[in-house]
């Protein structure tokens, strides 16, 4: 995968999209099924030549690009929704860096995802069994690294197994996107010093999508 500004922005948008969906499920008990499908599919896509291929087209990252552009533009904003999403993104990027230093855990994550992929021969990829397998993979690996992502939301939803499983599966999808971010040249320094450039890139991609 080519290391360039465009790919880094797309990958970061995918992290933001995962975080946005986590918040939707946590507070509302549901999220856009098409976006959920895209993020789960990204986990089950092992061989991909580009980020566009992982997400089956840039248009499937529109929500992530919108949220990413808005939050990067409003750096320091006190909007509670944006603060919450940004916090998830920061921790996901941090956990991904720690995960890459644990080859044993990486192997365990891969095995878990492969097991979920095998289940799609019998179930739809959004079936509760597939989601539960991905959630278990996250909980038994990345969730143990620390720091744990403290998900805010409605306790009615957070206390339901199927909703909690969706949240964990989406966090795993966020880690997958964070891996793509790193592969495209993303780093902590780029997050600190290239915020404006990434916001502008996201805005330009959205403009192209709108004009297509």
C-alpha atoms as a PDB file:
ATOM      1  CA  UNK A   1       0.000   0.000   0.000  1.00  0.00           C
ATOM      2  CA  UNK A   2       1.404   3.352  -1.068  1.00  0.00           C
ATOM      3  CA  UNK A   3       2.366   5.728   1.719  1.00  0.00           C
ATOM      4  CA  UNK A   4       0.777   9.040   0.808  1.00  0.00           C
ATOM      5  CA  UNK A   5      -1.475  11.749   2.170  1.00  0.00           C
ATOM      6  CA  UNK A   6      -4.580  10.487   0.362  1.00  0.00           C
ATOM      7  CA  UNK A   7      -4.287   6.957   1.738  1.00  0.00           C
ATOM      8  CA  UNK A   8      -3.545   8.216   5.242  1.00  0.00           C
ATOM      9  CA  UNK A   9      -6.652  10.383   5.162  1.00  0.00           C
ATOM     10  CA  UNK A  10      -8.855   7.521   3.961  1.00  0.00           C
ATOM     11  CA  UNK A  11      -7.498   5.199   6.657  1.00  0.00           C
ATOM     12  CA  UNK A  12      -7.992   7.829   9.355  1.00  0.00           C
ATOM     13  CA  UNK A  13     -11.536   8.405   8.105  1.00  0.00           C
ATOM     14  CA  UNK A  14     -12.165   4.669   8.538  1.00  0.00           C
ATOM     15  CA  UNK A  15     -10.995   4.903  12.167  1.00  0.00           C
ATOM     16  CA  UNK A  16     -13.364   7.835  12.703  1.00  0.00           C
ATOM     17  CA  UNK A  17     -16.198   5.912  11.045  1.00  0.00           C
ATOM     18  CA  UNK A  18     -15.685   2.990  13.428  1.00  0.00           C
ATOM     19  CA  UNK A  19     -15.673   5.357  16.408  1.00  0.00           C
ATOM     20  CA  UNK A  20     -18.805   7.111  15.156  1.00  0.00           C
ATOM     21  CA  UNK A  21     -20.653   3.785  14.858  1.00  0.00           C
ATOM     22  CA  UNK A  22     -19.499   2.704  18.327  1.00  0.00           C
ATOM     23  CA  UNK A  23     -21.100   5.841  19.721  1.00  0.00           C
ATOM     24  CA  UNK A  24     -24.297   5.277  17.735  1.00  0.00           C
ATOM     25  CA  UNK A  25     -24.739   1.759  19.102  1.00  0.00           C
ATOM     26  CA  UNK A  26     -23.813   2.794  22.641  1.00  0.00           C
ATOM     27  CA  UNK A  27     -26.313   5.655  22.825  1.00  0.00           C
ATOM     28  CA  UNK A  28     -29.063   4.561  20.419  1.00  0.00           C
ATOM     29  CA  UNK A  29     -28.801   0.778  20.451  1.00  0.00           C
ATOM     30  CA  UNK A  30     -28.453   0.682  16.682  1.00  0.00           C
ATOM     31  CA  UNK A  31     -26.515   2.149  13.786  1.00  0.00           C
ATOM     32  CA  UNK A  32     -26.641   2.375  10.015  1.00  0.00           C
ATOM     33  CA  UNK A  33     -26.648  -1.267   8.860  1.00  0.00           C
ATOM     34  CA  UNK A  34     -24.923  -0.479   5.573  1.00  0.00           C
ATOM     35  CA  UNK A  35     -22.045   1.197   7.407  1.00  0.00           C
ATOM     36  CA  UNK A  36     -21.886  -1.654   9.903  1.00  0.00           C
ATOM     37  CA  UNK A  37     -21.708  -4.082   6.977  1.00  0.00           C
ATOM     38  CA  UNK A  38     -18.804  -2.143   5.455  1.00  0.00           C
ATOM     39  CA  UNK A  39     -16.805  -2.083   8.692  1.00  0.00           C
ATOM     40  CA  UNK A  40     -17.342  -5.789   9.404  1.00  0.00           C
ATOM     41  CA  UNK A  41     -16.462  -6.609   5.782  1.00  0.00           C
ATOM     42  CA  UNK A  42     -13.196  -4.693   6.187  1.00  0.00           C
ATOM     43  CA  UNK A  43     -12.217  -7.102   8.970  1.00  0.00           C
ATOM     44  CA  UNK A  44     -12.904 -10.098   6.766  1.00  0.00           C
ATOM     45  CA  UNK A  45     -10.915  -8.737   3.809  1.00  0.00           C
ATOM     46  CA  UNK A  46      -7.377 -10.078   4.073  1.00  0.00           C
ATOM     47  CA  UNK A  47      -6.011  -9.522   0.584  1.00  0.00           C
ATOM     48  CA  UNK A  48      -6.480  -5.968  -0.638  1.00  0.00           C
ATOM     49  CA  UNK A  49      -4.435  -3.872  -3.033  1.00  0.00           C
ATOM     50  CA  UNK A  50      -5.762  -0.552  -1.771  1.00  0.00           C
ATOM     51  CA  UNK A  51      -7.763   1.066   0.995  1.00  0.00           C
ATOM     52  CA  UNK A  52     -10.567   1.668  -1.508  1.00  0.00           C
ATOM     53  CA  UNK A  53     -10.760  -2.090  -2.028  1.00  0.00           C
ATOM     54  CA  UNK A  54     -10.888  -2.805   1.708  1.00  0.00           C
ATOM     55  CA  UNK A  55     -13.990  -0.598   2.012  1.00  0.00           C
ATOM     56  CA  UNK A  56     -15.426  -1.371  -1.434  1.00  0.00           C
ATOM     57  CA  UNK A  57     -15.086   2.197  -2.623  1.00  0.00           C
ATOM     58  CA  UNK A  58     -14.333   5.614  -1.160  1.00  0.00           C
ATOM     59  CA  UNK A  59     -18.055   6.469  -1.046  1.00  0.00           C
ATOM     60  CA  UNK A  60     -18.479   3.909   1.737  1.00  0.00           C
ATOM     61  CA  UNK A  61     -16.224   6.069   3.923  1.00  0.00           C
ATOM     62  CA  UNK A  62     -18.295   9.228   3.434  1.00  0.00           C
ATOM     63  CA  UNK A  63     -19.539   9.347   7.032  1.00  0.00           C
ATOM     64  CA  UNK A  64     -16.015   8.821   8.374  1.00  0.00           C
ATOM     65  CA  UNK A  65     -14.679  11.566   6.100  1.00  0.00           C
ATOM     66  CA  UNK A  66     -17.422  13.944   7.245  1.00  0.00           C
ATOM     67  CA  UNK A  67     -16.807  13.275  10.925  1.00  0.00           C
ATOM     68  CA  UNK A  68     -13.025  13.376  10.484  1.00  0.00           C
ATOM     69  CA  UNK A  69     -13.151  16.694   8.606  1.00  0.00           C
ATOM     70  CA  UNK A  70     -15.493  18.245  11.173  1.00  0.00           C
ATOM     71  CA  UNK A  71     -13.501  17.168  14.224  1.00  0.00           C
ATOM     72  CA  UNK A  72     -10.102  18.092  12.777  1.00  0.00           C
ATOM     73  CA  UNK A  73     -11.496  21.489  11.755  1.00  0.00           C
ATOM     74  CA  UNK A  74     -12.906  22.080  15.230  1.00  0.00           C
ATOM     75  CA  UNK A  75      -9.757  21.178  17.159  1.00  0.00           C
ATOM     76  CA  UNK A  76     -10.414  21.941  20.790  1.00  0.00           C
ATOM     77  CA  UNK A  77     -14.194  21.866  20.345  1.00  0.00           C
ATOM     78  CA  UNK A  78     -16.283  21.154  23.435  1.00  0.00           C
ATOM     79  CA  UNK A  79     -19.028  19.419  21.432  1.00  0.00           C
ATOM     80  CA  UNK A  80     -19.632  16.287  23.578  1.00  0.00           C
ATOM     81  CA  UNK A  81     -20.258  14.005  20.595  1.00  0.00           C
ATOM     82  CA  UNK A  82     -17.066  15.083  18.851  1.00  0.00           C
ATOM     83  CA  UNK A  83     -15.042  14.909  22.073  1.00  0.00           C
ATOM     84  CA  UNK A  84     -16.256  11.352  22.635  1.00  0.00           C
ATOM     85  CA  UNK A  85     -15.512  10.186  19.080  1.00  0.00           C
ATOM     86  CA  UNK A  86     -12.082  11.853  19.107  1.00  0.00           C
ATOM     87  CA  UNK A  87     -11.251  10.099  22.377  1.00  0.00           C
ATOM     88  CA  UNK A  88     -12.093   6.710  20.870  1.00  0.00           C
ATOM     89  CA  UNK A  89      -9.931   7.478  17.824  1.00  0.00           C
ATOM     90  CA  UNK A  90      -6.917   8.508  19.911  1.00  0.00           C
ATOM     91  CA  UNK A  91      -7.093   5.352  22.034  1.00  0.00           C
ATOM     92  CA  UNK A  92      -7.617   3.098  18.998  1.00  0.00           C
ATOM     93  CA  UNK A  93      -4.489   4.504  17.344  1.00  0.00           C
ATOM     94  CA  UNK A  94      -2.558   4.050  20.595  1.00  0.00           C
ATOM     95  CA  UNK A  95      -3.756   0.455  21.062  1.00  0.00           C
ATOM     96  CA  UNK A  96      -2.851  -0.397  17.484  1.00  0.00           C
ATOM     97  CA  UNK A  97       0.726   0.749  18.061  1.00  0.00           C
ATOM     98  CA  UNK A  98       0.944  -1.436  21.172  1.00  0.00           C
ATOM     99  CA  UNK A  99      -0.621  -4.395  19.352  1.00  0.00           C
ATOM    100  CA  UNK A 100       2.019  -4.246  16.593  1.00  0.00           C
ATOM    101  CA  UNK A 101       4.652  -4.880  19.269  1.00  0.00           C
ATOM    102  CA  UNK A 102       2.924  -8.120  20.286  1.00  0.00           C
ATOM    103  CA  UNK A 103       3.338 -10.651  17.434  1.00  0.00           C
ATOM    104  CA  UNK A 104       1.843 -13.387  19.618  1.00  0.00           C
ATOM    105  CA  UNK A 105      -1.329 -11.370  20.116  1.00  0.00           C
ATOM    106  CA  UNK A 106      -1.415 -10.415  16.446  1.00  0.00           C
ATOM    107  CA  UNK A 107      -1.486 -14.125  15.598  1.00  0.00           C
ATOM    108  CA  UNK A 108      -4.357 -14.655  18.030  1.00  0.00           C
ATOM    109  CA  UNK A 109      -6.296 -11.773  16.461  1.00  0.00           C
ATOM    110  CA  UNK A 110      -5.715 -13.218  12.993  1.00  0.00           C
ATOM    111  CA  UNK A 111      -6.914 -16.670  14.079  1.00  0.00           C
ATOM    112  CA  UNK A 112     -10.047 -15.154  15.622  1.00  0.00           C
ATOM    113  CA  UNK A 113     -10.866 -13.168  12.494  1.00  0.00           C
ATOM    114  CA  UNK A 114     -10.256 -16.218  10.310  1.00  0.00           C
ATOM    115  CA  UNK A 115     -12.691 -18.169  12.501  1.00  0.00           C
ATOM    116  CA  UNK A 116     -15.304 -15.445  12.008  1.00  0.00           C
ATOM    117  CA  UNK A 117     -14.651 -15.471   8.274  1.00  0.00           C
ATOM    118  CA  UNK A 118     -15.190 -19.247   8.220  1.00  0.00           C
ATOM    119  CA  UNK A 119     -18.570 -18.732   9.903  1.00  0.00           C
ATOM    120  CA  UNK A 120     -19.705 -16.597   6.958  1.00  0.00           C
ATOM    121  CA  UNK A 121     -19.926 -19.799   4.928  1.00  0.00           C
ATOM    122  CA  UNK A 122     -23.007 -20.608   7.011  1.00  0.00           C
ATOM    123  CA  UNK A 123     -24.195 -17.217   8.280  1.00  0.00           C
ATOM    124  CA  UNK A 124     -24.506 -13.690   6.972  1.00  0.00           C
ATOM    125  CA  UNK A 125     -21.530 -11.576   8.024  1.00  0.00           C
ATOM    126  CA  UNK A 126     -23.809  -9.504  10.284  1.00  0.00           C
ATOM    127  CA  UNK A 127     -25.235 -12.603  11.955  1.00  0.00           C
ATOM    128  CA  UNK A 128     -24.976 -12.518  15.734  1.00  0.00           C
ATOM    129  CA  UNK A 129     -22.625 -15.546  15.714  1.00  0.00           C
ATOM    130  CA  UNK A 130     -20.115 -13.800  13.438  1.00  0.00           C
ATOM    131  CA  UNK A 131     -20.334 -10.534  15.387  1.00  0.00           C
ATOM    132  CA  UNK A 132     -19.933 -12.460  18.664  1.00  0.00           C
ATOM    133  CA  UNK A 133     -16.784 -14.199  17.385  1.00  0.00           C
ATOM    134  CA  UNK A 134     -15.220 -10.881  16.394  1.00  0.00           C
ATOM    135  CA  UNK A 135     -16.242  -9.363  19.734  1.00  0.00           C
ATOM    136  CA  UNK A 136     -14.671 -12.269  21.617  1.00  0.00           C
ATOM    137  CA  UNK A 137     -11.477 -11.821  19.615  1.00  0.00           C
ATOM    138  CA  UNK A 138     -11.301  -8.158  20.607  1.00  0.00           C
ATOM    139  CA  UNK A 139     -12.124  -8.846  24.242  1.00  0.00           C
ATOM    140  CA  UNK A 140      -9.563 -11.627  24.666  1.00  0.00           C
ATOM    141  CA  UNK A 141      -6.727  -9.719  22.985  1.00  0.00           C
ATOM    142  CA  UNK A 142      -6.749  -5.964  22.420  1.00  0.00           C
ATOM    143  CA  UNK A 143      -9.002  -5.288  25.385  1.00  0.00           C
ATOM    144  CA  UNK A 144      -6.340  -6.883  27.589  1.00  0.00           C
ATOM    145  CA  UNK A 145      -3.508  -4.627  26.399  1.00  0.00           C
ATOM    146  CA  UNK A 146      -4.710  -1.480  28.100  1.00  0.00           C
ATOM    147  CA  UNK A 147      -5.795   1.153  28.377  1.00  0.00           C
ATOM    148  CA  UNK A 148      -9.315  -0.176  27.965  1.00  0.00           C
ATOM    149  CA  UNK A 149     -11.637   1.983  25.918  1.00  0.00           C
ATOM    150  CA  UNK A 150     -14.308   3.203  28.300  1.00  0.00           C
ATOM    151  CA  UNK A 151     -17.379   3.399  26.086  1.00  0.00           C
ATOM    152  CA  UNK A 152     -20.003   5.901  27.176  1.00  0.00           C
ATOM    153  CA  UNK A 153     -23.655   5.378  26.393  1.00  0.00           C
ATOM    154  CA  UNK A 154     -27.073   4.315  27.588  1.00  0.00           C
ATOM    155  CA  UNK A 155     -26.686   1.542  30.158  1.00  0.00           C
ATOM    156  CA  UNK A 156     -29.805  -0.129  28.752  1.00  0.00           C
ATOM    157  CA  UNK A 157     -27.924  -0.715  25.500  1.00  0.00           C
ATOM    158  CA  UNK A 158     -24.481  -1.281  26.978  1.00  0.00           C
ATOM    159  CA  UNK A 159     -25.906  -4.019  29.198  1.00  0.00           C
ATOM    160  CA  UNK A 160     -27.283  -6.028  26.266  1.00  0.00           C
ATOM    161  CA  UNK A 161     -24.982  -8.728  24.941  1.00  0.00           C
ATOM    162  CA  UNK A 162     -25.751  -8.194  21.256  1.00  0.00           C
ATOM    163  CA  UNK A 163     -25.139  -4.437  21.523  1.00  0.00           C
ATOM    164  CA  UNK A 164     -21.906  -4.948  23.481  1.00  0.00           C
ATOM    165  CA  UNK A 165     -20.752  -7.445  20.846  1.00  0.00           C
ATOM    166  CA  UNK A 166     -21.394  -4.939  18.053  1.00  0.00           C
ATOM    167  CA  UNK A 167     -19.398  -2.300  19.908  1.00  0.00           C
ATOM    168  CA  UNK A 168     -16.427  -4.637  20.394  1.00  0.00           C
ATOM    169  CA  UNK A 169     -16.565  -5.781  16.759  1.00  0.00           C
ATOM    170  CA  UNK A 170     -16.572  -2.133  15.649  1.00  0.00           C
ATOM    171  CA  UNK A 171     -13.612  -1.370  17.911  1.00  0.00           C
ATOM    172  CA  UNK A 172     -11.778  -4.259  16.235  1.00  0.00           C
ATOM    173  CA  UNK A 173     -12.666  -2.716  12.865  1.00  0.00           C
ATOM    174  CA  UNK A 174     -11.200   0.533  14.175  1.00  0.00           C
ATOM    175  CA  UNK A 175      -7.959  -1.273  14.985  1.00  0.00           C
ATOM    176  CA  UNK A 176      -7.953  -2.700  11.443  1.00  0.00           C
ATOM    177  CA  UNK A 177      -8.294   0.827  10.061  1.00  0.00           C
ATOM    178  CA  UNK A 178      -5.516   2.016  12.376  1.00  0.00           C
ATOM    179  CA  UNK A 179      -3.242  -0.671  10.908  1.00  0.00           C
ATOM    180  CA  UNK A 180      -3.993   0.721   7.438  1.00  0.00           C
ATOM    181  CA  UNK A 181      -3.217   4.219   8.760  1.00  0.00           C
ATOM    182  CA  UNK A 182       0.204   3.063   9.926  1.00  0.00           C
ATOM    183  CA  UNK A 183       0.876   1.180   6.683  1.00  0.00           C
ATOM    184  CA  UNK A 184       0.087   4.376   4.750  1.00  0.00           C
ATOM    185  CA  UNK A 185       2.671   6.276   6.797  1.00  0.00           C
ATOM    186  CA  UNK A 186       0.453   7.492   9.616  1.00  0.00           C
ATOM    187  CA  UNK A 187       2.067   8.220  12.952  1.00  0.00           C
ATOM    188  CA  UNK A 188       1.563  10.118  16.180  1.00  0.00           C
ATOM    189  CA  UNK A 189       3.648  12.976  14.803  1.00  0.00           C
ATOM    190  CA  UNK A 190       1.493  13.245  11.708  1.00  0.00           C
ATOM    191  CA  UNK A 191      -1.611  13.447  13.885  1.00  0.00           C
ATOM    192  CA  UNK A 192      -0.020  16.303  15.822  1.00  0.00           C
ATOM    193  CA  UNK A 193       1.416  18.324  12.968  1.00  0.00           C
ATOM    194  CA  UNK A 194      -0.679  17.454   9.889  1.00  0.00           C
ATOM    195  CA  UNK A 195      -4.202  17.947  11.232  1.00  0.00           C
ATOM    196  CA  UNK A 196      -4.995  20.859   8.939  1.00  0.00           C
ATOM    197  CA  UNK A 197      -3.630  19.104   5.873  1.00  0.00           C
ATOM    198  CA  UNK A 198      -5.650  15.960   6.617  1.00  0.00           C
ATOM    199  CA  UNK A 199      -8.798  18.012   7.243  1.00  0.00           C
ATOM    200  CA  UNK A 200      -8.337  19.717   3.882  1.00  0.00           C
ATOM    201  CA  UNK A 201      -7.707  16.386   2.144  1.00  0.00           C
ATOM    202  CA  UNK A 202     -10.882  14.917   3.679  1.00  0.00           C
ATOM    203  CA  UNK A 203     -12.851  17.965   2.547  1.00  0.00           C
ATOM    204  CA  UNK A 204     -11.466  17.631  -0.990  1.00  0.00           C
ATOM    205  CA  UNK A 205     -12.373  13.930  -1.171  1.00  0.00           C
ATOM    206  CA  UNK A 206     -15.905  14.766  -0.021  1.00  0.00           C
ATOM    207  CA  UNK A 207     -16.167  17.485  -2.662  1.00  0.00           C
ATOM    208  CA  UNK A 208     -15.170  14.977  -5.353  1.00  0.00           C
ATOM    209  CA  UNK A 209     -17.763  12.517  -4.082  1.00  0.00           C
ATOM    210  CA  UNK A 210     -20.437  15.235  -4.189  1.00  0.00           C
ATOM    211  CA  UNK A 211     -19.555  16.181  -7.750  1.00  0.00           C
ATOM    212  CA  UNK A 212     -19.362  12.621  -9.063  1.00  0.00           C
END
